[in-house]
Amino acid sequence: MPNGPLSPPARLCLLAWDPARPGATDSARVHHLVRAGALTELARRGLLVDDDGVAVPADPDARTGDAVLDGLLDLVRESMPHRWRTWVRRYARVTFDAVREQLVAEGQLRAEKKRVLGLFPSVEYVLERPAAARALRERTRSVLEGAVPVDEISERDAAVAVLAAAAEPRALGTAGTGADREARIAELTGRAAAAPGRRRILIEVRGALRAEATDAVAPSGG
């Protein structure tokens, strides 16, 4: 996948980035998507494990060398135990901010200082490599639509596609519908998390994102 060295949460941040509306990326929905990517990557590495639906650090001293992932590990260690779905939302802005700064440091985003109403200092984040971001979106669409055989997809790429499909970021669009799409998601879930414990984690985290996406489009009563 393009941008191979980028972590799953960084890829998900770029997948959700709307070049036409960069400010819209800084939203709770994207914060949760990025957090979901960090949680599943820590689970994939065996650093967070499932204990009857609760996220538990496997090793109190383990580090990844990635500031975003290590920051989340520290947060989980220092907090009361919570279920996976709770961690998708809890202080998710912290993980999003850390990923955005990481993308700036890696040259994927550019931070531009400006003043709102000519008075108040602000920072706007702009895609520095739009072609790379487009390539990432196209590759993810091809994974979701079945253009790439499942056995040719890495665990990390499969997890990114599953989470992106659950959150349905505007910039990515919708890849397929109905039974065919659900069958493909099931295949990708199996590829991303072959071990039963990790599969449960991915399903829990994906469920939290799907519930939020459903709530966002549900008609209001009245």
C-alpha atoms as a PDB file:
ATOM      1  CA  MET A   1       0.000   0.000   0.000  1.00  0.00           C
ATOM      2  CA  PRO A   2       1.293   3.533  -0.669  1.00  0.00           C
ATOM      3  CA  ASN A   3       2.822   5.223   2.368  1.00  0.00           C
ATOM      4  CA  GLY A   4       3.844   1.804   3.653  1.00  0.00           C
ATOM      5  CA  PRO A   5       5.898   3.123   6.607  1.00  0.00           C
ATOM      6  CA  LEU A   6       2.940   5.055   7.969  1.00  0.00           C
ATOM      7  CA  SER A   7       1.196   3.511  10.970  1.00  0.00           C
ATOM      8  CA  PRO A   8      -2.468   2.424  10.710  1.00  0.00           C
ATOM      9  CA  PRO A   9      -3.746   5.450  12.694  1.00  0.00           C
ATOM     10  CA  ALA A  10      -1.746   7.765  10.412  1.00  0.00           C
ATOM     11  CA  ARG A  11      -3.163   6.077   7.317  1.00  0.00           C
ATOM     12  CA  LEU A  12      -6.696   6.376   8.668  1.00  0.00           C
ATOM     13  CA  CYS A  13      -6.156  10.070   9.350  1.00  0.00           C
ATOM     14  CA  LEU A  14      -5.086  10.583   5.734  1.00  0.00           C
ATOM     15  CA  LEU A  15      -7.983   8.480   4.446  1.00  0.00           C
ATOM     16  CA  ALA A  16     -10.411  10.727   6.312  1.00  0.00           C
ATOM     17  CA  TRP A  17      -8.736  13.917   5.105  1.00  0.00           C
ATOM     18  CA  ASP A  18     -10.974  15.963   2.820  1.00  0.00           C
ATOM     19  CA  PRO A  19      -8.744  18.330   0.797  1.00  0.00           C
ATOM     20  CA  ALA A  20     -11.743  20.515   0.005  1.00  0.00           C
ATOM     21  CA  ARG A  21     -12.670  20.841   3.691  1.00  0.00           C
ATOM     22  CA  PRO A  22      -9.497  20.303   5.762  1.00  0.00           C
ATOM     23  CA  GLY A  23     -11.070  21.749   8.878  1.00  0.00           C
ATOM     24  CA  ALA A  24     -13.784  19.094   8.803  1.00  0.00           C
ATOM     25  CA  THR A  25     -11.165  16.439   9.509  1.00  0.00           C
ATOM     26  CA  ASP A  26     -10.826  17.760  13.048  1.00  0.00           C
ATOM     27  CA  SER A  27     -14.097  16.183  14.177  1.00  0.00           C
ATOM     28  CA  ALA A  28     -15.127  13.603  16.761  1.00  0.00           C
ATOM     29  CA  ARG A  29     -15.875  11.073  14.030  1.00  0.00           C
ATOM     30  CA  VAL A  30     -12.320  11.251  12.668  1.00  0.00           C
ATOM     31  CA  HIS A  31     -10.832  11.341  16.173  1.00  0.00           C
ATOM     32  CA  HIS A  32     -12.577   8.038  16.894  1.00  0.00           C
ATOM     33  CA  LEU A  33     -11.445   6.496  13.611  1.00  0.00           C
ATOM     34  CA  VAL A  34      -7.808   7.380  14.321  1.00  0.00           C
ATOM     35  CA  ARG A  35      -8.086   6.055  17.882  1.00  0.00           C
ATOM     36  CA  ALA A  36      -9.592   2.816  16.541  1.00  0.00           C
ATOM     37  CA  GLY A  37      -6.556   2.397  14.311  1.00  0.00           C
ATOM     38  CA  ALA A  38      -4.200   2.844  17.263  1.00  0.00           C
ATOM     39  CA  LEU A  39      -6.120   0.355  19.402  1.00  0.00           C
ATOM     40  CA  THR A  40      -6.145  -2.353  16.747  1.00  0.00           C
ATOM     41  CA  GLU A  41      -2.450  -1.852  15.975  1.00  0.00           C
ATOM     42  CA  LEU A  42      -1.562  -2.265  19.656  1.00  0.00           C
ATOM     43  CA  ALA A  43      -3.696  -5.404  19.733  1.00  0.00           C
ATOM     44  CA  ARG A  44      -2.033  -6.705  16.558  1.00  0.00           C
ATOM     45  CA  ARG A  45       1.357  -6.268  18.236  1.00  0.00           C
ATOM     46  CA  GLY A  46       0.122  -8.115  21.313  1.00  0.00           C
ATOM     47  CA  LEU A  47       0.561  -5.086  23.584  1.00  0.00           C
ATOM     48  CA  LEU A  48      -3.149  -4.735  24.359  1.00  0.00           C
ATOM     49  CA  VAL A  49      -5.146  -7.896  24.982  1.00  0.00           C
ATOM     50  CA  ASP A  50      -8.790  -8.658  25.570  1.00  0.00           C
ATOM     51  CA  ASP A  51     -10.057  -9.628  29.015  1.00  0.00           C
ATOM     52  CA  ASP A  52     -13.774 -10.324  28.668  1.00  0.00           C
ATOM     53  CA  GLY A  53     -14.293  -7.220  26.540  1.00  0.00           C
ATOM     54  CA  VAL A  54     -11.880  -4.994  28.480  1.00  0.00           C
ATOM     55  CA  ALA A  55      -8.643  -3.622  26.988  1.00  0.00           C
ATOM     56  CA  VAL A  56      -5.705  -4.704  29.149  1.00  0.00           C
ATOM     57  CA  PRO A  57      -1.968  -3.952  28.688  1.00  0.00           C
ATOM     58  CA  ALA A  58      -0.055  -7.204  28.225  1.00  0.00           C
ATOM     59  CA  ASP A  59       3.247  -5.845  29.582  1.00  0.00           C
ATOM     60  CA  PRO A  60       3.543  -2.881  31.968  1.00  0.00           C
ATOM     61  CA  ASP A  61       6.933  -1.912  30.556  1.00  0.00           C
ATOM     62  CA  ALA A  62       6.585  -2.575  26.811  1.00  0.00           C
ATOM     63  CA  ARG A  63       7.239   0.247  24.328  1.00  0.00           C
ATOM     64  CA  THR A  64       6.751   0.451  20.564  1.00  0.00           C
ATOM     65  CA  GLY A  65       9.025   3.353  19.690  1.00  0.00           C
ATOM     66  CA  ASP A  66       6.039   5.110  18.094  1.00  0.00           C
ATOM     67  CA  ALA A  67       5.061   8.192  20.118  1.00  0.00           C
ATOM     68  CA  VAL A  68       1.361   7.861  19.218  1.00  0.00           C
ATOM     69  CA  LEU A  69       1.082   4.202  20.180  1.00  0.00           C
ATOM     70  CA  ASP A  70       3.191   4.601  23.307  1.00  0.00           C
ATOM     71  CA  GLY A  71       1.086   7.560  24.365  1.00  0.00           C
ATOM     72  CA  LEU A  72      -2.066   5.473  24.108  1.00  0.00           C
ATOM     73  CA  LEU A  73      -0.432   2.583  25.975  1.00  0.00           C
ATOM     74  CA  ASP A  74       0.449   4.948  28.816  1.00  0.00           C
ATOM     75  CA  LEU A  75      -3.092   6.310  28.872  1.00  0.00           C
ATOM     76  CA  VAL A  76      -4.598   2.818  29.138  1.00  0.00           C
ATOM     77  CA  ARG A  77      -2.128   1.828  31.869  1.00  0.00           C
ATOM     78  CA  GLU A  78      -2.807   4.937  33.929  1.00  0.00           C
ATOM     79  CA  SER A  79      -6.610   4.781  33.644  1.00  0.00           C
ATOM     80  CA  MET A  80      -9.334   2.652  35.146  1.00  0.00           C
ATOM     81  CA  PRO A  81     -10.112  -0.439  33.030  1.00  0.00           C
ATOM     82  CA  HIS A  82     -12.484   0.261  30.127  1.00  0.00           C
ATOM     83  CA  ARG A  83     -14.073  -1.726  27.361  1.00  0.00           C
ATOM     84  CA  TRP A  84     -12.761  -1.434  23.803  1.00  0.00           C
ATOM     85  CA  ARG A  85     -15.764   0.575  22.644  1.00  0.00           C
ATOM     86  CA  THR A  86     -15.182   3.072  25.433  1.00  0.00           C
ATOM     87  CA  TRP A  87     -11.543   3.495  24.418  1.00  0.00           C
ATOM     88  CA  VAL A  88     -12.573   4.286  20.841  1.00  0.00           C
ATOM     89  CA  ARG A  89     -14.073   7.519  22.196  1.00  0.00           C
ATOM     90  CA  ARG A  90     -12.309   8.256  25.489  1.00  0.00           C
ATOM     91  CA  TYR A  91      -9.838  11.151  25.065  1.00  0.00           C
ATOM     92  CA  ALA A  92      -9.661  10.270  21.364  1.00  0.00           C
ATOM     93  CA  ARG A  93      -8.712  13.856  20.512  1.00  0.00           C
ATOM     94  CA  VAL A  94      -5.362  13.241  22.242  1.00  0.00           C
ATOM     95  CA  THR A  95      -4.484  10.458  19.797  1.00  0.00           C
ATOM     96  CA  PHE A  96      -5.731  12.447  16.797  1.00  0.00           C
ATOM     97  CA  ASP A  97      -3.605  15.477  17.731  1.00  0.00           C
ATOM     98  CA  ALA A  98      -0.536  13.270  18.174  1.00  0.00           C
ATOM     99  CA  VAL A  99      -1.078  11.600  14.794  1.00  0.00           C
ATOM    100  CA  ARG A 100      -1.561  14.949  13.062  1.00  0.00           C
ATOM    101  CA  GLU A 101       1.715  16.229  14.488  1.00  0.00           C
ATOM    102  CA  GLN A 102       3.385  13.001  13.415  1.00  0.00           C
ATOM    103  CA  LEU A 103       2.117  13.526   9.864  1.00  0.00           C
ATOM    104  CA  VAL A 104       3.511  17.053   9.900  1.00  0.00           C
ATOM    105  CA  ALA A 105       6.903  15.747  11.045  1.00  0.00           C
ATOM    106  CA  GLU A 106       6.857  13.109   8.286  1.00  0.00           C
ATOM    107  CA  GLY A 107       6.023  15.655   5.592  1.00  0.00           C
ATOM    108  CA  GLN A 108       2.512  14.401   4.884  1.00  0.00           C
ATOM    109  CA  LEU A 109       0.833  17.541   6.244  1.00  0.00           C
ATOM    110  CA  ARG A 110       1.910  21.173   6.418  1.00  0.00           C
ATOM    111  CA  ALA A 111       0.970  23.427   9.325  1.00  0.00           C
ATOM    112  CA  GLU A 112       0.168  26.965   8.206  1.00  0.00           C
ATOM    113  CA  LYS A 113      -0.206  29.714  10.788  1.00  0.00           C
ATOM    114  CA  LYS A 114      -2.927  32.268  10.190  1.00  0.00           C
ATOM    115  CA  ARG A 115      -5.183  34.679  12.058  1.00  0.00           C
ATOM    116  CA  VAL A 116      -8.937  34.363  12.352  1.00  0.00           C
ATOM    117  CA  LEU A 117     -10.659  37.690  11.706  1.00  0.00           C
ATOM    118  CA  GLY A 118      -7.157  39.105  11.481  1.00  0.00           C
ATOM    119  CA  LEU A 119      -6.795  38.857  15.271  1.00  0.00           C
ATOM    120  CA  PHE A 120      -6.774  35.361  16.717  1.00  0.00           C
ATOM    121  CA  PRO A 121      -3.824  33.057  15.952  1.00  0.00           C
ATOM    122  CA  SER A 122      -4.758  29.720  14.433  1.00  0.00           C
ATOM    123  CA  VAL A 123      -3.161  26.839  12.547  1.00  0.00           C
ATOM    124  CA  GLU A 124      -4.514  25.240   9.387  1.00  0.00           C
ATOM    125  CA  TYR A 125      -3.254  21.834   8.288  1.00  0.00           C
ATOM    126  CA  VAL A 126      -2.874  21.200   4.562  1.00  0.00           C
ATOM    127  CA  LEU A 127      -1.993  18.050   2.632  1.00  0.00           C
ATOM    128  CA  GLU A 128       1.630  18.301   1.594  1.00  0.00           C
ATOM    129  CA  ARG A 129       1.514  15.222  -0.652  1.00  0.00           C
ATOM    130  CA  PRO A 130      -1.997  15.067  -2.155  1.00  0.00           C
ATOM    131  CA  ALA A 131      -0.951  12.524  -4.779  1.00  0.00           C
ATOM    132  CA  ALA A 132       0.189  10.100  -2.077  1.00  0.00           C
ATOM    133  CA  ALA A 133      -3.073  10.595  -0.185  1.00  0.00           C
ATOM    134  CA  ARG A 134      -5.073   9.901  -3.371  1.00  0.00           C
ATOM    135  CA  ALA A 135      -3.041   6.756  -4.008  1.00  0.00           C
ATOM    136  CA  LEU A 136      -3.751   5.581  -0.480  1.00  0.00           C
ATOM    137  CA  ARG A 137      -7.496   6.138  -0.970  1.00  0.00           C
ATOM    138  CA  GLU A 138      -7.503   4.325  -4.315  1.00  0.00           C
ATOM    139  CA  ARG A 139      -5.616   1.367  -2.897  1.00  0.00           C
ATOM    140  CA  THR A 140      -8.010   1.155   0.064  1.00  0.00           C
ATOM    141  CA  ARG A 141     -11.017   1.268  -2.272  1.00  0.00           C
ATOM    142  CA  SER A 142      -9.547  -1.560  -4.342  1.00  0.00           C
ATOM    143  CA  VAL A 143      -9.059  -3.632  -1.190  1.00  0.00           C
ATOM    144  CA  LEU A 144     -12.663  -3.021  -0.097  1.00  0.00           C
ATOM    145  CA  GLU A 145     -14.153  -3.660  -3.523  1.00  0.00           C
ATOM    146  CA  GLY A 146     -12.402  -6.993  -3.924  1.00  0.00           C
ATOM    147  CA  ALA A 147      -9.973  -6.003  -6.672  1.00  0.00           C
ATOM    148  CA  VAL A 148      -7.100  -7.337  -4.555  1.00  0.00           C
ATOM    149  CA  PRO A 149      -7.160 -11.017  -3.453  1.00  0.00           C
ATOM    150  CA  VAL A 150      -7.387 -11.325   0.320  1.00  0.00           C
ATOM    151  CA  ASP A 151      -4.272 -13.473   0.563  1.00  0.00           C
ATOM    152  CA  GLU A 152      -2.260 -10.644  -1.039  1.00  0.00           C
ATOM    153  CA  ILE A 153      -3.305  -8.121   1.623  1.00  0.00           C
ATOM    154  CA  SER A 154      -1.262  -7.617   4.786  1.00  0.00           C
ATOM    155  CA  GLU A 155      -2.876  -7.779   8.231  1.00  0.00           C
ATOM    156  CA  ARG A 156      -2.343  -4.058   8.759  1.00  0.00           C
ATOM    157  CA  ASP A 157      -3.802  -3.098   5.376  1.00  0.00           C
ATOM    158  CA  ALA A 158      -6.830  -5.308   5.965  1.00  0.00           C
ATOM    159  CA  ALA A 159      -7.449  -3.732   9.374  1.00  0.00           C
ATOM    160  CA  VAL A 160      -7.181  -0.221   7.927  1.00  0.00           C
ATOM    161  CA  ALA A 161      -9.714  -1.071   5.214  1.00  0.00           C
ATOM    162  CA  VAL A 162     -12.157  -2.635   7.687  1.00  0.00           C
ATOM    163  CA  LEU A 163     -12.051   0.376  10.001  1.00  0.00           C
ATOM    164  CA  ALA A 164     -12.258   2.886   7.164  1.00  0.00           C
ATOM    165  CA  ALA A 165     -15.335   1.125   5.780  1.00  0.00           C
ATOM    166  CA  ALA A 166     -16.988   1.219   9.206  1.00  0.00           C
ATOM    167  CA  ALA A 167     -16.464   4.959   9.650  1.00  0.00           C
ATOM    168  CA  GLU A 168     -17.256   5.759   5.988  1.00  0.00           C
ATOM    169  CA  PRO A 169     -15.132   8.922   5.762  1.00  0.00           C
ATOM    170  CA  ARG A 170     -16.427  11.327   3.140  1.00  0.00           C
ATOM    171  CA  ALA A 171     -13.128  11.479   1.256  1.00  0.00           C
ATOM    172  CA  LEU A 172     -13.027   7.689   0.843  1.00  0.00           C
ATOM    173  CA  GLY A 173     -16.584   7.292  -0.379  1.00  0.00           C
ATOM    174  CA  THR A 174     -18.634   4.102  -0.155  1.00  0.00           C
ATOM    175  CA  ALA A 175     -17.144   0.916  -1.556  1.00  0.00           C
ATOM    176  CA  GLY A 176     -19.899  -1.530  -2.444  1.00  0.00           C
ATOM    177  CA  THR A 177     -23.212  -2.196  -0.774  1.00  0.00           C
ATOM    178  CA  GLY A 178     -25.312  -4.981   0.671  1.00  0.00           C
ATOM    179  CA  ALA A 179     -24.362  -8.621   1.073  1.00  0.00           C
ATOM    180  CA  ASP A 180     -21.305  -8.470  -1.191  1.00  0.00           C
ATOM    181  CA  ARG A 181     -19.770  -5.693   0.854  1.00  0.00           C
ATOM    182  CA  GLU A 182     -20.461  -7.469   4.152  1.00  0.00           C
ATOM    183  CA  ALA A 183     -18.941 -10.668   2.793  1.00  0.00           C
ATOM    184  CA  ARG A 184     -15.817  -8.770   1.766  1.00  0.00           C
ATOM    185  CA  ILE A 185     -15.577  -7.089   5.170  1.00  0.00           C
ATOM    186  CA  ALA A 186     -15.844 -10.504   6.838  1.00  0.00           C
ATOM    187  CA  GLU A 187     -12.982 -11.781   4.667  1.00  0.00           C
ATOM    188  CA  LEU A 188     -10.852  -8.778   5.485  1.00  0.00           C
ATOM    189  CA  THR A 189     -11.636  -9.088   9.195  1.00  0.00           C
ATOM    190  CA  GLY A 190     -10.412 -12.663   9.126  1.00  0.00           C
ATOM    191  CA  ARG A 191      -7.260 -11.572   7.335  1.00  0.00           C
ATOM    192  CA  ALA A 192      -6.624  -8.708   9.753  1.00  0.00           C
ATOM    193  CA  ALA A 193      -7.158 -10.771  12.905  1.00  0.00           C
ATOM    194  CA  ALA A 194      -6.741 -14.498  12.484  1.00  0.00           C
ATOM    195  CA  ALA A 195      -6.532 -15.192  16.235  1.00  0.00           C
ATOM    196  CA  PRO A 196     -10.008 -15.331  17.882  1.00  0.00           C
ATOM    197  CA  GLY A 197      -9.060 -12.838  20.611  1.00  0.00           C
ATOM    198  CA  ARG A 198      -7.840 -10.252  18.130  1.00  0.00           C
ATOM    199  CA  ARG A 199     -10.832 -10.822  15.887  1.00  0.00           C
ATOM    200  CA  ARG A 200     -13.109 -10.003  18.796  1.00  0.00           C
ATOM    201  CA  ILE A 201     -11.187  -6.788  19.417  1.00  0.00           C
ATOM    202  CA  LEU A 202     -11.462  -5.708  15.787  1.00  0.00           C
ATOM    203  CA  ILE A 203     -15.178  -6.511  15.723  1.00  0.00           C
ATOM    204  CA  GLU A 204     -15.744  -4.516  18.930  1.00  0.00           C
ATOM    205  CA  VAL A 205     -13.812  -1.503  17.681  1.00  0.00           C
ATOM    206  CA  ARG A 206     -15.462  -1.643  14.257  1.00  0.00           C
ATOM    207  CA  GLY A 207     -18.860  -1.879  15.943  1.00  0.00           C
ATOM    208  CA  ALA A 208     -18.222   1.364  17.815  1.00  0.00           C
ATOM    209  CA  LEU A 209     -17.385   3.150  14.555  1.00  0.00           C
ATOM    210  CA  ARG A 210     -20.399   1.713  12.730  1.00  0.00           C
ATOM    211  CA  ALA A 211     -22.743   2.772  15.512  1.00  0.00           C
ATOM    212  CA  GLU A 212     -21.433   6.320  15.286  1.00  0.00           C
ATOM    213  CA  ALA A 213     -21.750   6.382  11.479  1.00  0.00           C
ATOM    214  CA  THR A 214     -25.320   5.087  11.743  1.00  0.00           C
ATOM    215  CA  ASP A 215     -26.238   7.708  14.336  1.00  0.00           C
ATOM    216  CA  ALA A 216     -24.802  10.433  12.124  1.00  0.00           C
ATOM    217  CA  VAL A 217     -27.136   9.612   9.222  1.00  0.00           C
ATOM    218  CA  ALA A 218     -30.237   8.581  11.177  1.00  0.00           C
ATOM    219  CA  PRO A 219     -33.230  10.904  10.591  1.00  0.00           C
ATOM    220  CA  SER A 220     -34.318  12.914  13.568  1.00  0.00           C
ATOM    221  CA  GLY A 221     -37.832  12.535  14.915  1.00  0.00           C
ATOM    222  CA  GLY A 222     -40.300  15.308  15.052  1.00  0.00           C
END
